[in-house]
Amino acid sequence: MLVYVESHYYKERTRKGVYQLISDYVRGVSVELEVVPGLFSYKHIDEGTRLLIEYAEIPEKGVV
């Protein structure tokens, strides 16, 4: 499946040092996300993202 993303929503990395790694536990599993300022939450996993992760159907041996 091809997914096209509008350019105003996502752009390729153009600057170094802006990205930050945030981590937390969701569903008892350590989750790490690479984030940038202005996109969702920059300091912690926001509630919308947490809900998406909590309700995602991930196979027991799946890798995401």
PDB file of N, CA and C in Angstrom:
ATOM      1  N   MET A   1       0.838  -1.166   0.000  1.00  0.00           N
ATOM      2  CA  MET A   1       0.000   0.000   0.000  1.00  0.00           C
ATOM      3  C   MET A   1       0.892   1.240   0.000  1.00  0.00           C
ATOM      4  N   LEU A   2       0.570   2.195  -0.832  1.00  0.00           N
ATOM      5  CA  LEU A   2       1.290   3.459  -0.864  1.00  0.00           C
ATOM      6  C   LEU A   2       0.533   4.489  -0.053  1.00  0.00           C
ATOM      7  N   VAL A   3       1.259   5.253   0.719  1.00  0.00           N
ATOM      8  CA  VAL A   3       0.641   6.312   1.511  1.00  0.00           C
ATOM      9  C   VAL A   3       1.319   7.620   1.135  1.00  0.00           C
ATOM     10  N   TYR A   4       0.523   8.567   0.713  1.00  0.00           N
ATOM     11  CA  TYR A   4       1.052   9.874   0.370  1.00  0.00           C
ATOM     12  C   TYR A   4       0.766  10.835   1.511  1.00  0.00           C
ATOM     13  N   VAL A   5       1.775  11.562   1.919  1.00  0.00           N
ATOM     14  CA  VAL A   5       1.638  12.487   3.040  1.00  0.00           C
ATOM     15  C   VAL A   5       1.822  13.898   2.509  1.00  0.00           C
ATOM     16  N   GLU A   6       0.889  14.769   2.860  1.00  0.00           N
ATOM     17  CA  GLU A   6       0.973  16.160   2.428  1.00  0.00           C
ATOM     18  C   GLU A   6       2.247  16.806   2.958  1.00  0.00           C
ATOM     19  N   SER A   7       2.859  17.662   2.172  1.00  0.00           N
ATOM     20  CA  SER A   7       4.122  18.276   2.574  1.00  0.00           C
ATOM     21  C   SER A   7       3.980  19.191   3.790  1.00  0.00           C
ATOM     22  N   HIS A   8       2.799  19.742   4.040  1.00  0.00           N
ATOM     23  CA  HIS A   8       2.646  20.611   5.207  1.00  0.00           C
ATOM     24  C   HIS A   8       2.612  19.811   6.506  1.00  0.00           C
ATOM     25  N   TYR A   9       2.453  18.506   6.402  1.00  0.00           N
ATOM     26  CA  TYR A   9       2.373  17.658   7.590  1.00  0.00           C
ATOM     27  C   TYR A   9       3.713  17.013   7.914  1.00  0.00           C
ATOM     28  N   TYR A  10       4.461  16.645   6.919  1.00  0.00           N
ATOM     29  CA  TYR A  10       5.707  15.913   7.136  1.00  0.00           C
ATOM     30  C   TYR A  10       6.742  16.364   6.127  1.00  0.00           C
ATOM     31  N   LYS A  11       7.932  16.583   6.588  1.00  0.00           N
ATOM     32  CA  LYS A  11       9.043  16.926   5.701  1.00  0.00           C
ATOM     33  C   LYS A  11      10.236  16.073   6.074  1.00  0.00           C
ATOM     34  N   GLU A  12      11.078  15.804   5.096  1.00  0.00           N
ATOM     35  CA  GLU A  12      12.299  15.056   5.366  1.00  0.00           C
ATOM     36  C   GLU A  12      13.162  15.848   6.339  1.00  0.00           C
ATOM     37  N   ARG A  13      14.011  15.144   7.051  1.00  0.00           N
ATOM     38  CA  ARG A  13      14.922  15.812   7.989  1.00  0.00           C
ATOM     39  C   ARG A  13      15.818  16.785   7.235  1.00  0.00           C
ATOM     40  N   THR A  14      15.803  18.010   7.675  1.00  0.00           N
ATOM     41  CA  THR A  14      16.663  19.006   7.045  1.00  0.00           C
ATOM     42  C   THR A  14      17.625  19.642   8.038  1.00  0.00           C
ATOM     43  N   ARG A  15      17.325  19.529   9.337  1.00  0.00           N
ATOM     44  CA  ARG A  15      18.196  20.110  10.356  1.00  0.00           C
ATOM     45  C   ARG A  15      18.590  19.042  11.357  1.00  0.00           C
ATOM     46  N   LYS A  16      19.824  19.113  11.807  1.00  0.00           N
ATOM     47  CA  LYS A  16      20.282  18.177  12.828  1.00  0.00           C
ATOM     48  C   LYS A  16      20.130  18.813  14.201  1.00  0.00           C
ATOM     49  N   GLY A  17      19.968  17.977  15.211  1.00  0.00           N
ATOM     50  CA  GLY A  17      19.929  18.465  16.568  1.00  0.00           C
ATOM     51  C   GLY A  17      18.560  18.891  17.062  1.00  0.00           C
ATOM     52  N   VAL A  18      17.550  18.899  16.201  1.00  0.00           N
ATOM     53  CA  VAL A  18      16.219  19.325  16.601  1.00  0.00           C
ATOM     54  C   VAL A  18      15.419  18.145  17.141  1.00  0.00           C
ATOM     55  N   TYR A  19      15.710  16.964  16.685  1.00  0.00           N
ATOM     56  CA  TYR A  19      14.954  15.774  17.066  1.00  0.00           C
ATOM     57  C   TYR A  19      15.290  15.342  18.487  1.00  0.00           C
ATOM     58  N   GLN A  20      14.281  14.872  19.192  1.00  0.00           N
ATOM     59  CA  GLN A  20      14.462  14.434  20.573  1.00  0.00           C
ATOM     60  C   GLN A  20      13.826  13.064  20.741  1.00  0.00           C
ATOM     61  N   LEU A  21      14.460  12.219  21.511  1.00  0.00           N
ATOM     62  CA  LEU A  21      13.931  10.897  21.805  1.00  0.00           C
ATOM     63  C   LEU A  21      13.172  10.957  23.123  1.00  0.00           C
ATOM     64  N   ILE A  22      11.903  10.540  23.106  1.00  0.00           N
ATOM     65  CA  ILE A  22      11.123  10.455  24.337  1.00  0.00           C
ATOM     66  C   ILE A  22      10.762   8.997  24.558  1.00  0.00           C
ATOM     67  N   SER A  23      10.662   8.591  25.800  1.00  0.00           N
ATOM     68  CA  SER A  23      10.326   7.198  26.088  1.00  0.00           C
ATOM     69  C   SER A  23       9.357   7.127  27.255  1.00  0.00           C
ATOM     70  N   ASP A  24       8.584   6.054  27.265  1.00  0.00           N
ATOM     71  CA  ASP A  24       7.589   5.834  28.309  1.00  0.00           C
ATOM     72  C   ASP A  24       7.176   4.368  28.216  1.00  0.00           C
ATOM     73  N   TYR A  25       6.358   3.948  29.149  1.00  0.00           N
ATOM     74  CA  TYR A  25       5.808   2.592  29.104  1.00  0.00           C
ATOM     75  C   TYR A  25       4.338   2.676  28.727  1.00  0.00           C
ATOM     76  N   VAL A  26       3.950   1.908  27.716  1.00  0.00           N
ATOM     77  CA  VAL A  26       2.563   1.827  27.281  1.00  0.00           C
ATOM     78  C   VAL A  26       2.230   0.352  27.141  1.00  0.00           C
ATOM     79  N   ARG A  27       1.155  -0.087  27.742  1.00  0.00           N
ATOM     80  CA  ARG A  27       0.756  -1.496  27.731  1.00  0.00           C
ATOM     81  C   ARG A  27       1.854  -2.373  28.334  1.00  0.00           C
ATOM     82  N   GLY A  28       2.621  -1.808  29.264  1.00  0.00           N
ATOM     83  CA  GLY A  28       3.679  -2.562  29.918  1.00  0.00           C
ATOM     84  C   GLY A  28       4.926  -2.755  29.080  1.00  0.00           C
ATOM     85  N   VAL A  29       5.016  -2.024  27.970  1.00  0.00           N
ATOM     86  CA  VAL A  29       6.148  -2.154  27.059  1.00  0.00           C
ATOM     87  C   VAL A  29       6.836  -0.798  26.932  1.00  0.00           C
ATOM     88  N   SER A  30       8.152  -0.806  26.908  1.00  0.00           N
ATOM     89  CA  SER A  30       8.902   0.425  26.713  1.00  0.00           C
ATOM     90  C   SER A  30       8.703   0.916  25.278  1.00  0.00           C
ATOM     91  N   VAL A  31       8.305   2.178  25.136  1.00  0.00           N
ATOM     92  CA  VAL A  31       8.064   2.780  23.830  1.00  0.00           C
ATOM     93  C   VAL A  31       8.987   3.977  23.688  1.00  0.00           C
ATOM     94  N   GLU A  32       9.685   4.059  22.565  1.00  0.00           N
ATOM     95  CA  GLU A  32      10.543   5.203  22.281  1.00  0.00           C
ATOM     96  C   GLU A  32      10.073   5.845  20.985  1.00  0.00           C
ATOM     97  N   LEU A  33       9.932   7.156  21.003  1.00  0.00           N
ATOM     98  CA  LEU A  33       9.505   7.904  19.829  1.00  0.00           C
ATOM     99  C   LEU A  33      10.491   9.026  19.569  1.00  0.00           C
ATOM    100  N   GLU A  34      10.794   9.260  18.304  1.00  0.00           N
ATOM    101  CA  GLU A  34      11.636  10.381  17.924  1.00  0.00           C
ATOM    102  C   GLU A  34      10.699  11.509  17.505  1.00  0.00           C
ATOM    103  N   VAL A  35      10.803  12.649  18.166  1.00  0.00           N
ATOM    104  CA  VAL A  35       9.852  13.739  17.957  1.00  0.00           C
ATOM    105  C   VAL A  35      10.565  15.044  17.626  1.00  0.00           C
ATOM    106  N   VAL A  36       9.792  15.968  17.065  1.00  0.00           N
ATOM    107  CA  VAL A  36      10.284  17.309  16.768  1.00  0.00           C
ATOM    108  C   VAL A  36       9.314  18.318  17.374  1.00  0.00           C
ATOM    109  N   PRO A  37       9.772  19.511  17.699  1.00  0.00           N
ATOM    110  CA  PRO A  37       8.869  20.528  18.240  1.00  0.00           C
ATOM    111  C   PRO A  37       7.755  20.843  17.240  1.00  0.00           C
ATOM    112  N   GLY A  38       6.547  21.057  17.743  1.00  0.00           N
ATOM    113  CA  GLY A  38       5.429  21.426  16.889  1.00  0.00           C
ATOM    114  C   GLY A  38       4.634  20.258  16.348  1.00  0.00           C
ATOM    115  N   LEU A  39       5.077  19.040  16.580  1.00  0.00           N
ATOM    116  CA  LEU A  39       4.361  17.857  16.115  1.00  0.00           C
ATOM    117  C   LEU A  39       3.998  17.023  17.329  1.00  0.00           C
ATOM    118  N   PHE A  40       2.722  17.005  17.678  1.00  0.00           N
ATOM    119  CA  PHE A  40       2.238  16.324  18.872  1.00  0.00           C
ATOM    120  C   PHE A  40       2.936  16.911  20.102  1.00  0.00           C
ATOM    121  N   SER A  41       3.408  16.079  20.988  1.00  0.00           N
ATOM    122  CA  SER A  41       4.051  16.569  22.202  1.00  0.00           C
ATOM    123  C   SER A  41       5.555  16.366  22.090  1.00  0.00           C
ATOM    124  N   TYR A  42       6.306  17.346  22.509  1.00  0.00           N
ATOM    125  CA  TYR A  42       7.759  17.293  22.374  1.00  0.00           C
ATOM    126  C   TYR A  42       8.444  16.726  23.612  1.00  0.00           C
ATOM    127  N   LYS A  43       7.759  16.704  24.765  1.00  0.00           N
ATOM    128  CA  LYS A  43       8.407  16.279  25.999  1.00  0.00           C
ATOM    129  C   LYS A  43       7.887  14.962  26.552  1.00  0.00           C
ATOM    130  N   HIS A  44       6.730  14.516  26.095  1.00  0.00           N
ATOM    131  CA  HIS A  44       6.168  13.261  26.583  1.00  0.00           C
ATOM    132  C   HIS A  44       5.184  12.709  25.545  1.00  0.00           C
ATOM    133  N   ILE A  45       4.799  11.454  25.687  1.00  0.00           N
ATOM    134  CA  ILE A  45       3.823  10.865  24.776  1.00  0.00           C
ATOM    135  C   ILE A  45       2.462  11.470  25.097  1.00  0.00           C
ATOM    136  N   ASP A  46       1.858  12.147  24.115  1.00  0.00           N
ATOM    137  CA  ASP A  46       0.569  12.800  24.349  1.00  0.00           C
ATOM    138  C   ASP A  46      -0.544  11.757  24.436  1.00  0.00           C
ATOM    139  N   GLU A  47      -1.687  12.166  24.955  1.00  0.00           N
ATOM    140  CA  GLU A  47      -2.788  11.228  25.200  1.00  0.00           C
ATOM    141  C   GLU A  47      -3.314  10.594  23.918  1.00  0.00           C
ATOM    142  N   GLY A  48      -3.372  11.341  22.825  1.00  0.00           N
ATOM    143  CA  GLY A  48      -3.836  10.777  21.556  1.00  0.00           C
ATOM    144  C   GLY A  48      -2.925   9.672  21.062  1.00  0.00           C
ATOM    145  N   THR A  49      -1.624   9.903  21.110  1.00  0.00           N
ATOM    146  CA  THR A  49      -0.657   8.888  20.696  1.00  0.00           C
ATOM    147  C   THR A  49      -0.710   7.692  21.631  1.00  0.00           C
ATOM    148  N   ARG A  50      -0.836   7.951  22.930  1.00  0.00           N
ATOM    149  CA  ARG A  50      -0.937   6.861  23.905  1.00  0.00           C
ATOM    150  C   ARG A  50      -2.163   5.988  23.606  1.00  0.00           C
ATOM    151  N   LEU A  51      -3.299   6.606  23.308  1.00  0.00           N
ATOM    152  CA  LEU A  51      -4.504   5.837  22.986  1.00  0.00           C
ATOM    153  C   LEU A  51      -4.319   5.009  21.721  1.00  0.00           C
ATOM    154  N   LEU A  52      -3.697   5.589  20.698  1.00  0.00           N
ATOM    155  CA  LEU A  52      -3.442   4.837  19.467  1.00  0.00           C
ATOM    156  C   LEU A  52      -2.574   3.613  19.739  1.00  0.00           C
ATOM    157  N   ILE A  53      -1.545   3.784  20.557  1.00  0.00           N
ATOM    158  CA  ILE A  53      -0.661   2.663  20.887  1.00  0.00           C
ATOM    159  C   ILE A  53      -1.405   1.626  21.714  1.00  0.00           C
ATOM    160  N   GLU A  54      -2.196   2.075  22.683  1.00  0.00           N
ATOM    161  CA  GLU A  54      -2.909   1.141  23.560  1.00  0.00           C
ATOM    162  C   GLU A  54      -3.913   0.282  22.802  1.00  0.00           C
ATOM    163  N   TYR A  55      -4.533   0.828  21.766  1.00  0.00           N
ATOM    164  CA  TYR A  55      -5.554   0.082  21.035  1.00  0.00           C
ATOM    165  C   TYR A  55      -5.050  -0.533  19.729  1.00  0.00           C
ATOM    166  N   ALA A  56      -3.776  -0.349  19.418  1.00  0.00           N
ATOM    167  CA  ALA A  56      -3.215  -0.948  18.203  1.00  0.00           C
ATOM    168  C   ALA A  56      -3.208  -2.467  18.327  1.00  0.00           C
ATOM    169  N   GLU A  57      -3.522  -3.132  17.229  1.00  0.00           N
ATOM    170  CA  GLU A  57      -3.478  -4.589  17.208  1.00  0.00           C
ATOM    171  C   GLU A  57      -2.097  -5.007  16.704  1.00  0.00           C
ATOM    172  N   ILE A  58      -1.249  -5.396  17.637  1.00  0.00           N
ATOM    173  CA  ILE A  58       0.127  -5.773  17.317  1.00  0.00           C
ATOM    174  C   ILE A  58       0.281  -7.254  17.596  1.00  0.00           C
ATOM    175  N   PRO A  59       0.735  -8.037  16.598  1.00  0.00           N
ATOM    176  CA  PRO A  59       0.925  -9.469  16.833  1.00  0.00           C
ATOM    177  C   PRO A  59       1.911  -9.705  17.974  1.00  0.00           C
ATOM    178  N   GLU A  60       1.748 -10.815  18.672  1.00  0.00           N
ATOM    179  CA  GLU A  60       2.610 -11.123  19.812  1.00  0.00           C
ATOM    180  C   GLU A  60       4.085 -11.080  19.436  1.00  0.00           C
ATOM    181  N   LYS A  61       4.418 -11.535  18.241  1.00  0.00           N
ATOM    182  CA  LYS A  61       5.808 -11.519  17.790  1.00  0.00           C
ATOM    183  C   LYS A  61       6.061 -10.366  16.828  1.00  0.00           C
ATOM    184  N   GLY A  62       5.157  -9.398  16.817  1.00  0.00           N
ATOM    185  CA  GLY A  62       5.282  -8.283  15.891  1.00  0.00           C
ATOM    186  C   GLY A  62       6.328  -7.275  16.314  1.00  0.00           C
ATOM    187  N   VAL A  63       6.813  -6.567  15.330  1.00  0.00           N
ATOM    188  CA  VAL A  63       7.766  -5.488  15.565  1.00  0.00           C
ATOM    189  C   VAL A  63       7.180  -4.245  14.916  1.00  0.00           C
ATOM    190  N   VAL A  64       7.179  -3.158  15.656  1.00  0.00           N
ATOM    191  CA  VAL A  64       6.615  -1.912  15.132  1.00  0.00           C
ATOM    192  C   VAL A  64       7.684  -0.850  15.142  1.00  0.00           C
TER     193      VAL A  64
END
